[in-house]
Each structure stands twice: as C-alpha cells, then as structure tokens.
PDB file of N, CA and C in Angstrom:
ATOM      1  N   MET A   1      -0.166  39.140  11.726  1.00  0.00           N
ATOM      2  CA  MET A   1       0.519  38.851  13.408  1.00  0.00           C
ATOM      3  C   MET A   1       1.173  40.018  14.210  1.00  0.00           C
ATOM      4  N   ARG A   2       0.674  40.153  15.438  1.00  0.00           N
ATOM      5  CA  ARG A   2       1.184  41.419  16.125  1.00  0.00           C
ATOM      6  C   ARG A   2       2.244  41.185  16.449  1.00  0.00           C
ATOM      7  N   SER A   3       3.211  41.414  17.093  1.00  0.00           N
ATOM      8  CA  SER A   3       3.895  40.991  18.238  1.00  0.00           C
ATOM      9  C   SER A   3       4.711  42.395  19.067  1.00  0.00           C
ATOM     10  N   MET A   4       4.827  41.962  20.293  1.00  0.00           N
ATOM     11  CA  MET A   4       5.598  43.189  20.981  1.00  0.00           C
ATOM     12  C   MET A   4       6.887  42.568  21.426  1.00  0.00           C
ATOM     13  N   VAL A   5       7.620  43.349  20.814  1.00  0.00           N
ATOM     14  CA  VAL A   5       9.431  43.252  20.782  1.00  0.00           C
ATOM     15  C   VAL A   5       9.566  43.759  21.985  1.00  0.00           C
ATOM     16  N   LEU A   6      10.056  43.087  22.962  1.00  0.00           N
ATOM     17  CA  LEU A   6      10.283  43.702  24.815  1.00  0.00           C
ATOM     18  C   LEU A   6      12.253  44.353  24.593  1.00  0.00           C
ATOM     19  N   ILE A   7      12.432  44.805  24.862  1.00  0.00           N
ATOM     20  CA  ILE A   7      14.012  45.437  24.878  1.00  0.00           C
ATOM     21  C   ILE A   7      14.670  45.685  26.166  1.00  0.00           C
ATOM     22  N   ARG A   8      15.654  44.542  26.492  1.00  0.00           N
ATOM     23  CA  ARG A   8      16.091  44.332  27.235  1.00  0.00           C
ATOM     24  C   ARG A   8      17.451  44.522  27.352  1.00  0.00           C
ATOM     25  N   LEU A   9      17.849  45.289  29.034  1.00  0.00           N
ATOM     26  CA  LEU A   9      19.127  45.512  28.928  1.00  0.00           C
ATOM     27  C   LEU A   9      19.500  45.503  30.488  1.00  0.00           C
ATOM     28  N   ASP A  10      20.788  45.586  30.781  1.00  0.00           N
ATOM     29  CA  ASP A  10      21.288  46.156  32.306  1.00  0.00           C
ATOM     30  C   ASP A  10      21.915  46.985  31.844  1.00  0.00           C
ATOM     31  N   PRO A  11      20.752  48.161  33.031  1.00  0.00           N
ATOM     32  CA  PRO A  11      21.556  49.170  32.688  1.00  0.00           C
ATOM     33  C   PRO A  11      23.125  49.859  33.206  1.00  0.00           C
ATOM     34  N   ALA A  12      23.628  49.016  33.865  1.00  0.00           N
ATOM     35  CA  ALA A  12      24.484  49.020  34.493  1.00  0.00           C
ATOM     36  C   ALA A  12      26.037  48.749  33.455  1.00  0.00           C
ATOM     37  N   LEU A  13      25.446  48.118  32.403  1.00  0.00           N
ATOM     38  CA  LEU A  13      26.355  47.591  31.456  1.00  0.00           C
ATOM     39  C   LEU A  13      26.132  48.670  29.953  1.00  0.00           C
ATOM     40  N   ALA A  14      24.866  49.407  30.595  1.00  0.00           N
ATOM     41  CA  ALA A  14      24.691  50.536  29.074  1.00  0.00           C
ATOM     42  C   ALA A  14      26.114  51.677  28.995  1.00  0.00           C
ATOM     43  N   PRO A  15      26.250  51.344  28.096  1.00  0.00           N
ATOM     44  CA  PRO A  15      27.548  52.985  27.733  1.00  0.00           C
ATOM     45  C   PRO A  15      27.323  53.896  28.452  1.00  0.00           C
ATOM     46  N   GLU A  16      27.677  55.018  29.016  1.00  0.00           N
ATOM     47  CA  GLU A  16      27.612  55.703  29.901  1.00  0.00           C
ATOM     48  C   GLU A  16      27.045  57.245  29.390  1.00  0.00           C
ATOM     49  N   GLY A  17      25.621  57.940  29.332  1.00  0.00           N
ATOM     50  CA  GLY A  17      25.448  58.887  28.558  1.00  0.00           C
ATOM     51  C   GLY A  17      24.246  58.110  27.817  1.00  0.00           C
ATOM     52  N   GLY A  18      24.072  56.820  27.247  1.00  0.00           N
ATOM     53  CA  GLY A  18      23.059  56.551  26.513  1.00  0.00           C
ATOM     54  C   GLY A  18      23.501  56.216  24.741  1.00  0.00           C
ATOM     55  N   PRO A  19      22.593  56.265  24.167  1.00  0.00           N
ATOM     56  CA  PRO A  19      22.934  56.214  23.211  1.00  0.00           C
ATOM     57  C   PRO A  19      23.635  57.438  22.460  1.00  0.00           C
ATOM     58  N   ASP A  20      24.506  57.196  21.974  1.00  0.00           N
ATOM     59  CA  ASP A  20      24.579  58.705  21.053  1.00  0.00           C
ATOM     60  C   ASP A  20      24.444  59.146  19.747  1.00  0.00           C
ATOM     61  N   GLU A  21      24.755  60.061  19.117  1.00  0.00           N
ATOM     62  CA  GLU A  21      24.261  60.551  18.483  1.00  0.00           C
ATOM     63  C   GLU A  21      24.011  60.164  16.763  1.00  0.00           C
ATOM     64  N   ALA A  22      24.922  58.916  16.503  1.00  0.00           N
ATOM     65  CA  ALA A  22      25.134  58.355  15.477  1.00  0.00           C
ATOM     66  C   ALA A  22      24.089  57.047  15.612  1.00  0.00           C
ATOM     67  N   LEU A  23      23.983  56.130  16.412  1.00  0.00           N
ATOM     68  CA  LEU A  23      23.189  55.336  16.934  1.00  0.00           C
ATOM     69  C   LEU A  23      21.632  56.201  16.972  1.00  0.00           C
ATOM     70  N   MET A  24      21.671  57.211  17.401  1.00  0.00           N
ATOM     71  CA  MET A  24      20.330  57.603  17.337  1.00  0.00           C
ATOM     72  C   MET A  24      19.614  58.004  15.983  1.00  0.00           C
ATOM     73  N   SER A  25      20.614  58.567  15.073  1.00  0.00           N
ATOM     74  CA  SER A  25      20.488  58.526  13.632  1.00  0.00           C
ATOM     75  C   SER A  25      19.960  57.575  12.909  1.00  0.00           C
ATOM     76  N   GLN A  26      20.832  55.811  13.154  1.00  0.00           N
ATOM     77  CA  GLN A  26      20.610  54.783  12.710  1.00  0.00           C
ATOM     78  C   GLN A  26      19.309  54.201  13.070  1.00  0.00           C
ATOM     79  N   MET A  27      19.122  54.889  14.483  1.00  0.00           N
ATOM     80  CA  MET A  27      17.318  54.334  14.653  1.00  0.00           C
ATOM     81  C   MET A  27      16.574  55.075  14.093  1.00  0.00           C
ATOM     82  N   GLY A  28      16.721  55.942  13.874  1.00  0.00           N
ATOM     83  CA  GLY A  28      15.635  57.038  12.761  1.00  0.00           C
ATOM     84  C   GLY A  28      15.739  56.396  11.519  1.00  0.00           C
ATOM     85  N   GLU A  29      16.717  56.094  11.078  1.00  0.00           N
ATOM     86  CA  GLU A  29      16.511  55.119   9.609  1.00  0.00           C
ATOM     87  C   GLU A  29      15.868  53.677   9.513  1.00  0.00           C
ATOM     88  N   LEU A  30      15.960  53.772  10.596  1.00  0.00           N
ATOM     89  CA  LEU A  30      15.322  52.057  11.200  1.00  0.00           C
ATOM     90  C   LEU A  30      14.239  52.658  11.005  1.00  0.00           C
ATOM     91  N   ILE A  31      13.370  52.879  12.189  1.00  0.00           N
ATOM     92  CA  ILE A  31      12.735  53.182  12.281  1.00  0.00           C
ATOM     93  C   ILE A  31      11.270  53.731  11.520  1.00  0.00           C
ATOM     94  N   GLU A  32      12.413  54.627  10.292  1.00  0.00           N
ATOM     95  CA  GLU A  32      11.348  55.520   9.075  1.00  0.00           C
ATOM     96  C   GLU A  32      11.348  53.583   8.156  1.00  0.00           C
ATOM     97  N   GLU A  33      12.256  53.069   7.696  1.00  0.00           N
ATOM     98  CA  GLU A  33      11.913  51.958   6.988  1.00  0.00           C
ATOM     99  C   GLU A  33      10.582  51.087   7.646  1.00  0.00           C
ATOM    100  N   MET A  34      10.673  50.429   8.793  1.00  0.00           N
ATOM    101  CA  MET A  34      10.130  50.274   9.054  1.00  0.00           C
ATOM    102  C   MET A  34       8.332  50.901   9.473  1.00  0.00           C
ATOM    103  N   THR A  35       8.431  51.806   9.439  1.00  0.00           N
ATOM    104  CA  THR A  35       7.431  52.534   9.316  1.00  0.00           C
ATOM    105  C   THR A  35       6.447  52.563   7.227  1.00  0.00           C
ATOM    106  N   LYS A  36       7.733  52.935   6.686  1.00  0.00           N
ATOM    107  CA  LYS A  36       7.266  52.585   5.519  1.00  0.00           C
ATOM    108  C   LYS A  36       6.828  50.893   5.078  1.00  0.00           C
ATOM    109  N   ALA A  37       7.412  50.299   5.630  1.00  0.00           N
ATOM    110  CA  ALA A  37       7.181  49.056   5.499  1.00  0.00           C
ATOM    111  C   ALA A  37       6.137  47.922   5.777  1.00  0.00           C
ATOM    112  N   GLY A  38       5.468  49.612   6.443  1.00  0.00           N
ATOM    113  CA  GLY A  38       3.602  49.103   6.979  1.00  0.00           C
ATOM    114  C   GLY A  38       4.037  48.175   8.791  1.00  0.00           C
ATOM    115  N   VAL A  39       5.478  47.612   9.545  1.00  0.00           N
ATOM    116  CA  VAL A  39       5.200  46.908  10.069  1.00  0.00           C
ATOM    117  C   VAL A  39       5.421  47.401  11.521  1.00  0.00           C
ATOM    118  N   LEU A  40       5.483  48.459  11.688  1.00  0.00           N
ATOM    119  CA  LEU A  40       5.925  49.122  12.956  1.00  0.00           C
ATOM    120  C   LEU A  40       4.088  50.242  13.233  1.00  0.00           C
ATOM    121  N   LEU A  41       3.904  49.613  14.610  1.00  0.00           N
ATOM    122  CA  LEU A  41       2.689  50.267  14.684  1.00  0.00           C
ATOM    123  C   LEU A  41       3.054  50.897  15.945  1.00  0.00           C
ATOM    124  N   ASP A  42       4.061  50.862  16.854  1.00  0.00           N
ATOM    125  CA  ASP A  42       4.500  51.795  17.914  1.00  0.00           C
ATOM    126  C   ASP A  42       5.693  51.436  18.418  1.00  0.00           C
ATOM    127  N   THR A  43       6.422  52.331  18.937  1.00  0.00           N
ATOM    128  CA  THR A  43       7.693  52.020  19.604  1.00  0.00           C
ATOM    129  C   THR A  43       8.366  53.292  20.358  1.00  0.00           C
ATOM    130  N   ALA A  44       8.722  53.075  21.443  1.00  0.00           N
ATOM    131  CA  ALA A  44       9.215  53.786  22.241  1.00  0.00           C
ATOM    132  C   ALA A  44      10.240  53.214  23.545  1.00  0.00           C
ATOM    133  N   GLY A  45      10.964  54.171  23.765  1.00  0.00           N
ATOM    134  CA  GLY A  45      11.696  53.838  25.243  1.00  0.00           C
ATOM    135  C   GLY A  45      10.694  53.695  26.374  1.00  0.00           C
ATOM    136  N   PHE A  46      11.526  53.055  27.346  1.00  0.00           N
ATOM    137  CA  PHE A  46      11.000  53.164  28.733  1.00  0.00           C
ATOM    138  C   PHE A  46      11.766  54.792  29.656  1.00  0.00           C
ATOM    139  N   ARG A  47      11.465  55.445  30.638  1.00  0.00           N
ATOM    140  CA  ARG A  47      12.125  56.293  31.440  1.00  0.00           C
ATOM    141  C   ARG A  47      12.967  55.156  32.000  1.00  0.00           C
ATOM    142  N   SER A  48      13.758  56.122  33.133  1.00  0.00           N
ATOM    143  CA  SER A  48      14.334  55.232  34.200  1.00  0.00           C
ATOM    144  C   SER A  48      13.476  54.554  35.730  1.00  0.00           C
ATOM    145  N   THR A  49      13.975  53.283  35.794  1.00  0.00           N
ATOM    146  CA  THR A  49      13.217  52.592  37.220  1.00  0.00           C
ATOM    147  C   THR A  49      13.419  53.359  37.722  1.00  0.00           C
ATOM    148  N   GLU A  50      14.220  55.245  38.242  1.00  0.00           N
ATOM    149  CA  GLU A  50      13.884  55.738  39.100  1.00  0.00           C
ATOM    150  C   GLU A  50      12.701  56.592  39.702  1.00  0.00           C
ATOM    151  N   GLU A  51      12.014  56.441  38.114  1.00  0.00           N
ATOM    152  CA  GLU A  51      10.382  56.957  38.151  1.00  0.00           C
ATOM    153  C   GLU A  51       9.940  56.211  37.946  1.00  0.00           C
ATOM    154  N   SER A  52       9.928  54.648  38.161  1.00  0.00           N
ATOM    155  CA  SER A  52       8.884  53.889  38.004  1.00  0.00           C
ATOM    156  C   SER A  52       8.191  53.377  39.794  1.00  0.00           C
ATOM    157  N   THR A  53       7.100  52.454  39.652  1.00  0.00           N
ATOM    158  CA  THR A  53       6.367  52.138  40.444  1.00  0.00           C
ATOM    159  C   THR A  53       5.816  50.718  40.307  1.00  0.00           C
ATOM    160  N   ARG A  54       6.392  49.751  41.297  1.00  0.00           N
ATOM    161  CA  ARG A  54       5.992  48.490  41.181  1.00  0.00           C
ATOM    162  C   ARG A  54       4.887  47.717  41.608  1.00  0.00           C
ATOM    163  N   ILE A  55       3.865  46.711  41.424  1.00  0.00           N
ATOM    164  CA  ILE A  55       2.856  46.938  42.309  1.00  0.00           C
ATOM    165  C   ILE A  55       2.812  45.072  42.456  1.00  0.00           C
ATOM    166  N   GLN A  56       2.873  45.009  43.468  1.00  0.00           N
ATOM    167  CA  GLN A  56       3.272  43.241  43.894  1.00  0.00           C
ATOM    168  C   GLN A  56       2.165  43.113  44.411  1.00  0.00           C
ATOM    169  N   GLN A  57       2.061  41.776  44.196  1.00  0.00           N
ATOM    170  CA  GLN A  57       0.377  40.961  44.954  1.00  0.00           C
ATOM    171  C   GLN A  57       0.895  40.096  45.271  1.00  0.00           C
ATOM    172  N   SER A  58       0.140  39.185  46.448  1.00  0.00           N
ATOM    173  CA  SER A  58       1.235  37.740  47.183  1.00  0.00           C
ATOM    174  C   SER A  58      -0.125  37.769  48.104  1.00  0.00           C
ATOM    175  N   LYS A  59      -0.862  36.566  47.843  1.00  0.00           N
ATOM    176  CA  LYS A  59      -2.133  35.938  48.666  1.00  0.00           C
ATOM    177  C   LYS A  59      -3.083  37.073  48.857  1.00  0.00           C
ATOM    178  N   GLY A  60      -3.429  37.936  47.395  1.00  0.00           N
ATOM    179  CA  GLY A  60      -4.433  38.840  47.438  1.00  0.00           C
ATOM    180  C   GLY A  60      -4.065  40.019  48.186  1.00  0.00           C
ATOM    181  N   VAL A  61      -2.851  40.560  48.512  1.00  0.00           N
ATOM    182  CA  VAL A  61      -2.485  41.839  48.918  1.00  0.00           C
ATOM    183  C   VAL A  61      -1.388  42.129  48.115  1.00  0.00           C
ATOM    184  N   GLN A  62      -1.553  43.437  47.991  1.00  0.00           N
ATOM    185  CA  GLN A  62      -0.843  44.594  47.315  1.00  0.00           C
ATOM    186  C   GLN A  62       0.252  45.164  47.627  1.00  0.00           C
ATOM    187  N   THR A  63       1.409  45.359  47.386  1.00  0.00           N
ATOM    188  CA  THR A  63       2.285  46.373  47.513  1.00  0.00           C
ATOM    189  C   THR A  63       2.863  46.888  46.779  1.00  0.00           C
ATOM    190  N   VAL A  64       3.035  48.499  46.985  1.00  0.00           N
ATOM    191  CA  VAL A  64       3.354  49.449  45.863  1.00  0.00           C
ATOM    192  C   VAL A  64       5.080  49.818  45.836  1.00  0.00           C
ATOM    193  N   ILE A  65       5.709  49.954  45.277  1.00  0.00           N
ATOM    194  CA  ILE A  65       6.952  50.023  45.572  1.00  0.00           C
ATOM    195  C   ILE A  65       7.443  51.003  44.616  1.00  0.00           C
ATOM    196  N   ASP A  66       7.980  52.100  44.915  1.00  0.00           N
ATOM    197  CA  ASP A  66       8.642  52.891  44.277  1.00  0.00           C
ATOM    198  C   ASP A  66       9.992  52.731  43.712  1.00  0.00           C
ATOM    199  N   GLY A  67      10.299  53.197  42.250  1.00  0.00           N
ATOM    200  CA  GLY A  67      11.827  53.027  42.443  1.00  0.00           C
ATOM    201  C   GLY A  67      12.446  53.587  42.756  1.00  0.00           C
ATOM    202  N   PRO A  68      13.929  54.196  42.808  1.00  0.00           N
ATOM    203  CA  PRO A  68      15.080  52.959  41.439  1.00  0.00           C
ATOM    204  C   PRO A  68      14.979  51.973  42.571  1.00  0.00           C
ATOM    205  N   PHE A  69      15.016  50.974  41.486  1.00  0.00           N
ATOM    206  CA  PHE A  69      14.836  49.277  41.655  1.00  0.00           C
ATOM    207  C   PHE A  69      16.413  48.819  41.631  1.00  0.00           C
ATOM    208  N   THR A  70      17.225  49.223  42.651  1.00  0.00           N
ATOM    209  CA  THR A  70      18.972  48.525  42.820  1.00  0.00           C
ATOM    210  C   THR A  70      19.002  47.214  42.400  1.00  0.00           C
ATOM    211  N   GLU A  71      18.316  46.667  43.041  1.00  0.00           N
ATOM    212  CA  GLU A  71      18.458  44.995  42.508  1.00  0.00           C
ATOM    213  C   GLU A  71      18.331  44.900  41.270  1.00  0.00           C
ATOM    214  N   SER A  72      17.948  45.369  40.297  1.00  0.00           N
ATOM    215  CA  SER A  72      17.355  44.471  38.789  1.00  0.00           C
ATOM    216  C   SER A  72      18.550  44.533  38.004  1.00  0.00           C
ATOM    217  N   LYS A  73      19.347  43.386  37.330  1.00  0.00           N
ATOM    218  CA  LYS A  73      20.408  43.100  36.609  1.00  0.00           C
ATOM    219  C   LYS A  73      19.732  43.264  35.140  1.00  0.00           C
ATOM    220  N   GLU A  74      18.159  43.397  34.947  1.00  0.00           N
ATOM    221  CA  GLU A  74      17.779  43.614  33.777  1.00  0.00           C
ATOM    222  C   GLU A  74      16.517  44.398  34.045  1.00  0.00           C
ATOM    223  N   ILE A  75      16.427  45.146  32.818  1.00  0.00           N
ATOM    224  CA  ILE A  75      15.211  45.652  32.858  1.00  0.00           C
ATOM    225  C   ILE A  75      14.387  45.852  31.510  1.00  0.00           C
ATOM    226  N   ILE A  76      13.459  46.339  31.160  1.00  0.00           N
ATOM    227  CA  ILE A  76      12.707  46.779  30.304  1.00  0.00           C
ATOM    228  C   ILE A  76      12.677  47.839  29.852  1.00  0.00           C
ATOM    229  N   GLY A  77      14.033  48.363  28.885  1.00  0.00           N
ATOM    230  CA  GLY A  77      14.126  49.607  28.206  1.00  0.00           C
ATOM    231  C   GLY A  77      13.102  50.448  27.690  1.00  0.00           C
ATOM    232  N   GLY A  78      12.689  49.637  26.679  1.00  0.00           N
ATOM    233  CA  GLY A  78      11.968  49.689  25.901  1.00  0.00           C
ATOM    234  C   GLY A  78      10.530  48.564  24.816  1.00  0.00           C
ATOM    235  N   TYR A  79       9.918  49.240  23.782  1.00  0.00           N
ATOM    236  CA  TYR A  79       9.455  48.266  23.127  1.00  0.00           C
ATOM    237  C   TYR A  79       8.993  49.050  21.829  1.00  0.00           C
ATOM    238  N   CYS A  80       9.004  47.922  20.735  1.00  0.00           N
ATOM    239  CA  CYS A  80       8.407  48.039  19.651  1.00  0.00           C
ATOM    240  C   CYS A  80       7.221  47.035  19.412  1.00  0.00           C
ATOM    241  N   LEU A  81       6.317  47.670  18.987  1.00  0.00           N
ATOM    242  CA  LEU A  81       5.004  46.560  18.381  1.00  0.00           C
ATOM    243  C   LEU A  81       4.518  46.803  17.127  1.00  0.00           C
ATOM    244  N   LEU A  82       5.073  45.332  16.362  1.00  0.00           N
ATOM    245  CA  LEU A  82       5.326  45.021  15.070  1.00  0.00           C
ATOM    246  C   LEU A  82       3.286  44.405  14.448  1.00  0.00           C
ATOM    247  N   GLN A  83       3.416  44.490  13.441  1.00  0.00           N
ATOM    248  CA  GLN A  83       2.088  44.551  12.540  1.00  0.00           C
ATOM    249  C   GLN A  83       3.190  43.127  10.916  1.00  0.00           C
ATOM    250  N   THR A  84       3.408  42.006  11.508  1.00  0.00           N
ATOM    251  CA  THR A  84       3.777  41.406  10.429  1.00  0.00           C
ATOM    252  C   THR A  84       3.643  40.153  10.051  1.00  0.00           C
ATOM    253  N   ARG A  85       3.782  39.581   8.891  1.00  0.00           N
ATOM    254  CA  ARG A  85       2.989  38.463   8.662  1.00  0.00           C
ATOM    255  C   ARG A  85       3.739  37.031   8.822  1.00  0.00           C
ATOM    256  N   THR A  86       4.904  36.996   9.986  1.00  0.00           N
ATOM    257  CA  THR A  86       5.192  35.865  10.031  1.00  0.00           C
ATOM    258  C   THR A  86       6.311  36.360  11.366  1.00  0.00           C
ATOM    259  N   LYS A  87       6.470  35.188  11.902  1.00  0.00           N
ATOM    260  CA  LYS A  87       7.273  35.395  13.278  1.00  0.00           C
ATOM    261  C   LYS A  87       8.381  35.594  12.937  1.00  0.00           C
ATOM    262  N   GLU A  88       8.986  34.682  11.744  1.00  0.00           N
ATOM    263  CA  GLU A  88      10.184  35.038  11.342  1.00  0.00           C
ATOM    264  C   GLU A  88      10.531  36.367  11.027  1.00  0.00           C
ATOM    265  N   GLU A  89       9.842  37.284  10.484  1.00  0.00           N
ATOM    266  CA  GLU A  89       9.744  38.406   9.799  1.00  0.00           C
ATOM    267  C   GLU A  89       9.716  39.683  11.297  1.00  0.00           C
ATOM    268  N   ALA A  90       9.294  38.875  11.948  1.00  0.00           N
ATOM    269  CA  ALA A  90       9.073  39.953  13.367  1.00  0.00           C
ATOM    270  C   ALA A  90      10.608  39.766  14.358  1.00  0.00           C
ATOM    271  N   VAL A  91      10.842  38.859  13.863  1.00  0.00           N
ATOM    272  CA  VAL A  91      12.201  38.631  14.648  1.00  0.00           C
ATOM    273  C   VAL A  91      13.360  38.658  13.646  1.00  0.00           C
ATOM    274  N   GLU A  92      13.579  39.132  12.380  1.00  0.00           N
ATOM    275  CA  GLU A  92      14.428  39.535  11.380  1.00  0.00           C
ATOM    276  C   GLU A  92      14.610  41.385  12.288  1.00  0.00           C
ATOM    277  N   TRP A  93      13.324  41.796  12.334  1.00  0.00           N
ATOM    278  CA  TRP A  93      13.252  43.253  12.086  1.00  0.00           C
ATOM    279  C   TRP A  93      13.665  43.746  13.643  1.00  0.00           C
ATOM    280  N   ALA A  94      13.805  42.882  14.509  1.00  0.00           N
ATOM    281  CA  ALA A  94      14.326  42.796  16.140  1.00  0.00           C
ATOM    282  C   ALA A  94      15.511  42.738  16.013  1.00  0.00           C
ATOM    283  N   SER A  95      15.937  41.839  15.236  1.00  0.00           N
ATOM    284  CA  SER A  95      17.593  41.588  14.924  1.00  0.00           C
ATOM    285  C   SER A  95      18.195  42.646  14.635  1.00  0.00           C
ATOM    286  N   ARG A  96      17.605  43.289  13.110  1.00  0.00           N
ATOM    287  CA  ARG A  96      18.141  43.921  12.900  1.00  0.00           C
ATOM    288  C   ARG A  96      18.433  45.767  13.857  1.00  0.00           C
ATOM    289  N   PHE A  97      17.112  45.701  14.688  1.00  0.00           N
ATOM    290  CA  PHE A  97      17.264  46.625  15.605  1.00  0.00           C
ATOM    291  C   PHE A  97      18.892  46.758  16.629  1.00  0.00           C
ATOM    292  N   LEU A  98      18.633  45.021  17.470  1.00  0.00           N
ATOM    293  CA  LEU A  98      19.655  44.864  18.150  1.00  0.00           C
ATOM    294  C   LEU A  98      21.263  44.989  17.103  1.00  0.00           C
ATOM    295  N   ARG A  99      21.435  44.733  15.528  1.00  0.00           N
ATOM    296  CA  ARG A  99      22.777  45.307  15.130  1.00  0.00           C
ATOM    297  C   ARG A  99      23.331  46.719  15.003  1.00  0.00           C
ATOM    298  N   ILE A 100      22.056  47.584  15.017  1.00  0.00           N
ATOM    299  CA  ILE A 100      22.510  48.912  14.933  1.00  0.00           C
ATOM    300  C   ILE A 100      23.221  49.304  15.918  1.00  0.00           C
ATOM    301  N   HIS A 101      22.928  48.364  17.030  1.00  0.00           N
ATOM    302  CA  HIS A 101      23.544  48.592  18.785  1.00  0.00           C
ATOM    303  C   HIS A 101      24.959  48.474  18.957  1.00  0.00           C
ATOM    304  N   GLY A 102      25.685  47.767  17.836  1.00  0.00           N
ATOM    305  CA  GLY A 102      26.977  47.629  18.006  1.00  0.00           C
ATOM    306  C   GLY A 102      27.675  46.404  19.400  1.00  0.00           C
ATOM    307  N   PRO A 103      28.110  45.961  19.052  1.00  0.00           N
ATOM    308  CA  PRO A 103      29.161  45.674  20.264  1.00  0.00           C
ATOM    309  C   PRO A 103      29.505  46.829  21.943  1.00  0.00           C
ATOM    310  N   GLU A 104      29.333  47.677  21.528  1.00  0.00           N
ATOM    311  CA  GLU A 104      29.261  48.316  23.344  1.00  0.00           C
ATOM    312  C   GLU A 104      27.980  48.204  23.731  1.00  0.00           C
ATOM    313  N   TRP A 105      26.905  47.558  23.621  1.00  0.00           N
ATOM    314  CA  TRP A 105      25.675  47.551  24.024  1.00  0.00           C
ATOM    315  C   TRP A 105      25.282  45.767  24.220  1.00  0.00           C
ATOM    316  N   GLU A 106      25.176  45.674  25.665  1.00  0.00           N
ATOM    317  CA  GLU A 106      24.747  44.250  25.951  1.00  0.00           C
ATOM    318  C   GLU A 106      23.422  44.432  26.185  1.00  0.00           C
ATOM    319  N   ILE A 107      22.786  44.204  24.855  1.00  0.00           N
ATOM    320  CA  ILE A 107      21.007  44.284  24.860  1.00  0.00           C
ATOM    321  C   ILE A 107      20.839  43.385  24.438  1.00  0.00           C
ATOM    322  N   GLY A 108      19.391  42.748  24.596  1.00  0.00           N
ATOM    323  CA  GLY A 108      18.853  41.982  23.877  1.00  0.00           C
ATOM    324  C   GLY A 108      16.801  42.161  23.799  1.00  0.00           C
ATOM    325  N   VAL A 109      16.564  41.643  23.033  1.00  0.00           N
ATOM    326  CA  VAL A 109      14.907  41.928  22.996  1.00  0.00           C
ATOM    327  C   VAL A 109      14.560  40.162  22.797  1.00  0.00           C
ATOM    328  N   GLU A 110      13.045  40.470  23.132  1.00  0.00           N
ATOM    329  CA  GLU A 110      12.002  39.030  23.637  1.00  0.00           C
ATOM    330  C   GLU A 110      10.733  39.742  22.392  1.00  0.00           C
ATOM    331  N   VAL A 111      10.621  38.875  21.600  1.00  0.00           N
ATOM    332  CA  VAL A 111       9.768  38.629  20.391  1.00  0.00           C
ATOM    333  C   VAL A 111       8.556  37.850  20.838  1.00  0.00           C
ATOM    334  N   ARG A 112       7.520  38.609  21.226  1.00  0.00           N
ATOM    335  CA  ARG A 112       6.260  37.961  22.076  1.00  0.00           C
ATOM    336  C   ARG A 112       5.246  37.978  20.732  1.00  0.00           C
ATOM    337  N   GLU A 113       4.517  37.365  20.654  1.00  0.00           N
ATOM    338  CA  GLU A 113       3.187  37.303  19.707  1.00  0.00           C
ATOM    339  C   GLU A 113       2.081  37.562  20.241  1.00  0.00           C
ATOM    340  N   ILE A 114       1.180  38.436  19.768  1.00  0.00           N
ATOM    341  CA  ILE A 114      -0.222  38.947  20.947  1.00  0.00           C
ATOM    342  C   ILE A 114      -1.122  37.842  20.873  1.00  0.00           C
ATOM    343  N   ASP A 115      -1.349  37.715  21.536  1.00  0.00           N
ATOM    344  CA  ASP A 115      -2.688  36.671  21.216  1.00  0.00           C
ATOM    345  C   ASP A 115      -3.839  37.611  21.082  1.00  0.00           C
ATOM    346  N   GLU A 116      -4.574  36.825  20.151  1.00  0.00           N
ATOM    347  CA  GLU A 116      -5.557  37.974  19.305  1.00  0.00           C
ATOM    348  C   GLU A 116      -6.921  36.608  19.172  1.00  0.00           C
ATOM    349  N   PRO A 117      -7.644  37.129  19.218  1.00  0.00           N
ATOM    350  CA  PRO A 117      -9.088  36.489  18.914  1.00  0.00           C
ATOM    351  C   PRO A 117      -8.524  35.974  17.321  1.00  0.00           C
ATOM    352  N   ALA A 118      -9.195  34.457  16.919  1.00  0.00           N
ATOM    353  CA  ALA A 118      -8.801  34.136  15.568  1.00  0.00           C
ATOM    354  C   ALA A 118      -9.843  35.485  14.954  1.00  0.00           C
TER     355      ALA A 118
END
C-alpha cells in the first residue's frame, strides 16, 4: 500500500533558521535507511508560503490568492510518499521521522493511505 505522509507545522513555532546541521544529518540517515528498505518512494520539503498560490472555488467562481498567508497557523511543510505492507508500518516510519526532530520542534504528520484500484 502507498501512503502520503503530510508534514504539518506552525511556522511561527519552528526554530529560527530551520533545521540545523545535526537534524539534516539524521534526516539523511533516515532517508537512506528508508530507501534501502524500499519504503521511501519520494520526499521533499516545500518552499515558504511567501512563494505559494492558493486557488479557492466557491459556487463555481475561482479566486487566486498569492502568498504569504500570514493567517496560517499550520502549514504543510513537506511530504513523504511511502510504500509499506501495512498502515502500522507507515505510522512507525512517520513516528521515527518526528522523533529525530526533538523537543524544540512543534511538528506533526498526517499519514493518509492512497486510494488505489484493487
């Protein structure tokens, strides 16, 4: 089964300057382990909301809104696309991702199974 892990955070609560070198090193090790295990299909972080565009649709009318989105209390900061045998395995990999961020990060993930034809 494939799962999308959405990485959520409040930019106002993220450490200033973003991830440090130690975190990036640990992240690299985890990504390498996930790749060797055959579970990581793709992963990336997203650029800031200042470079984002939202498109809202209401009653068939679309509105295009350019960032930054200062009202955002929580953003999707990145994603991981996983291929695992079970939902529990996907949750475990996502949990490991969170653990390496340590207590200085207010961060969460949402693990969503991809709906695929049988």
